[in-house]
Amino acid sequence: MIVANNLKQAGAGFGTDTNIVTIITNDETLQLEKMSKEEVSNEILTFIINRLRRN
């Protein structure tokens, strides 16, 4: 799994309180909207938990 942080859009990346990330796996790609870094971390953990439950 790769979590790619979009550094090209305003309000995302370093020095801000928000991120825009894409979660990439062998099976799927999930583009998240701009959200707080805490919300992003919750989405990543939820994604991982859901994948583990499917296996």
C-alpha atoms as a PDB file:
ATOM      1  CA  MET A   1       0.000   0.000   0.000  1.00  0.00           C
ATOM      2  CA  ILE A   2       1.170   3.503  -0.841  1.00  0.00           C
ATOM      3  CA  VAL A   3      -0.325   6.722   0.486  1.00  0.00           C
ATOM      4  CA  ALA A   4       0.591   9.563  -1.865  1.00  0.00           C
ATOM      5  CA  ASN A   5       0.275  13.137  -0.641  1.00  0.00           C
ATOM      6  CA  ASN A   6      -0.672  15.664  -3.334  1.00  0.00           C
ATOM      7  CA  LEU A   7       1.746  18.576  -3.016  1.00  0.00           C
ATOM      8  CA  LYS A   8       0.500  20.526  -6.056  1.00  0.00           C
ATOM      9  CA  GLN A   9      -2.886  21.692  -4.782  1.00  0.00           C
ATOM     10  CA  ALA A  10      -3.342  24.643  -2.444  1.00  0.00           C
ATOM     11  CA  GLY A  11      -4.003  23.664   1.157  1.00  0.00           C
ATOM     12  CA  ALA A  12      -2.271  20.307   0.879  1.00  0.00           C
ATOM     13  CA  GLY A  13       1.159  19.086   1.816  1.00  0.00           C
ATOM     14  CA  PHE A  14       3.745  20.459   4.189  1.00  0.00           C
ATOM     15  CA  GLY A  15       3.164  23.576   6.251  1.00  0.00           C
ATOM     16  CA  THR A  16      -0.637  23.264   6.212  1.00  0.00           C
ATOM     17  CA  ASP A  17      -3.229  21.670   8.465  1.00  0.00           C
ATOM     18  CA  THR A  18      -4.838  19.770   5.570  1.00  0.00           C
ATOM     19  CA  ASN A  19      -3.831  17.107   3.041  1.00  0.00           C
ATOM     20  CA  ILE A  20      -5.133  15.586  -0.149  1.00  0.00           C
ATOM     21  CA  VAL A  21      -4.004  11.982  -0.444  1.00  0.00           C
ATOM     22  CA  THR A  22      -4.468   8.974  -2.670  1.00  0.00           C
ATOM     23  CA  ILE A  23      -4.371   5.471  -1.228  1.00  0.00           C
ATOM     24  CA  ILE A  24      -2.984   2.995  -3.756  1.00  0.00           C
ATOM     25  CA  THR A  25      -2.985  -0.802  -3.472  1.00  0.00           C
ATOM     26  CA  ASN A  26      -2.623  -3.654  -5.947  1.00  0.00           C
ATOM     27  CA  ASP A  27      -6.414  -3.858  -6.157  1.00  0.00           C
ATOM     28  CA  GLU A  28      -7.709  -0.307  -5.880  1.00  0.00           C
ATOM     29  CA  THR A  29      -7.061   3.409  -5.741  1.00  0.00           C
ATOM     30  CA  LEU A  30      -8.921   5.715  -3.381  1.00  0.00           C
ATOM     31  CA  GLN A  31      -8.675   9.494  -3.812  1.00  0.00           C
ATOM     32  CA  LEU A  32      -9.505  11.404  -0.627  1.00  0.00           C
ATOM     33  CA  GLU A  33     -10.782  14.967  -0.651  1.00  0.00           C
ATOM     34  CA  LYS A  34      -8.947  17.750   1.164  1.00  0.00           C
ATOM     35  CA  MET A  35      -9.309  17.172   4.894  1.00  0.00           C
ATOM     36  CA  SER A  36      -7.431  17.724   8.123  1.00  0.00           C
ATOM     37  CA  LYS A  37      -4.365  15.609   8.746  1.00  0.00           C
ATOM     38  CA  GLU A  38      -6.198  13.934  11.632  1.00  0.00           C
ATOM     39  CA  GLU A  39      -9.115  13.036   9.348  1.00  0.00           C
ATOM     40  CA  VAL A  40      -6.665  11.665   6.773  1.00  0.00           C
ATOM     41  CA  SER A  41      -5.034   9.443   9.384  1.00  0.00           C
ATOM     42  CA  ASN A  42      -8.465   8.146  10.450  1.00  0.00           C
ATOM     43  CA  GLU A  43      -9.358   7.382   6.817  1.00  0.00           C
ATOM     44  CA  ILE A  44      -6.072   5.505   6.308  1.00  0.00           C
ATOM     45  CA  LEU A  45      -6.615   3.421   9.450  1.00  0.00           C
ATOM     46  CA  THR A  46     -10.225   2.691   8.473  1.00  0.00           C
ATOM     47  CA  PHE A  47      -9.059   1.633   5.008  1.00  0.00           C
ATOM     48  CA  ILE A  48      -6.470  -0.751   6.498  1.00  0.00           C
ATOM     49  CA  ILE A  49      -8.942  -2.232   9.003  1.00  0.00           C
ATOM     50  CA  ASN A  50     -11.537  -2.831   6.261  1.00  0.00           C
ATOM     51  CA  ARG A  51      -8.948  -4.562   4.052  1.00  0.00           C
ATOM     52  CA  LEU A  52      -7.875  -6.816   6.925  1.00  0.00           C
ATOM     53  CA  ARG A  53     -11.483  -7.759   7.647  1.00  0.00           C
ATOM     54  CA  ARG A  54     -12.007  -8.747   3.995  1.00  0.00           C
ATOM     55  CA  ASN A  55      -9.083 -11.185   4.131  1.00  0.00           C
END
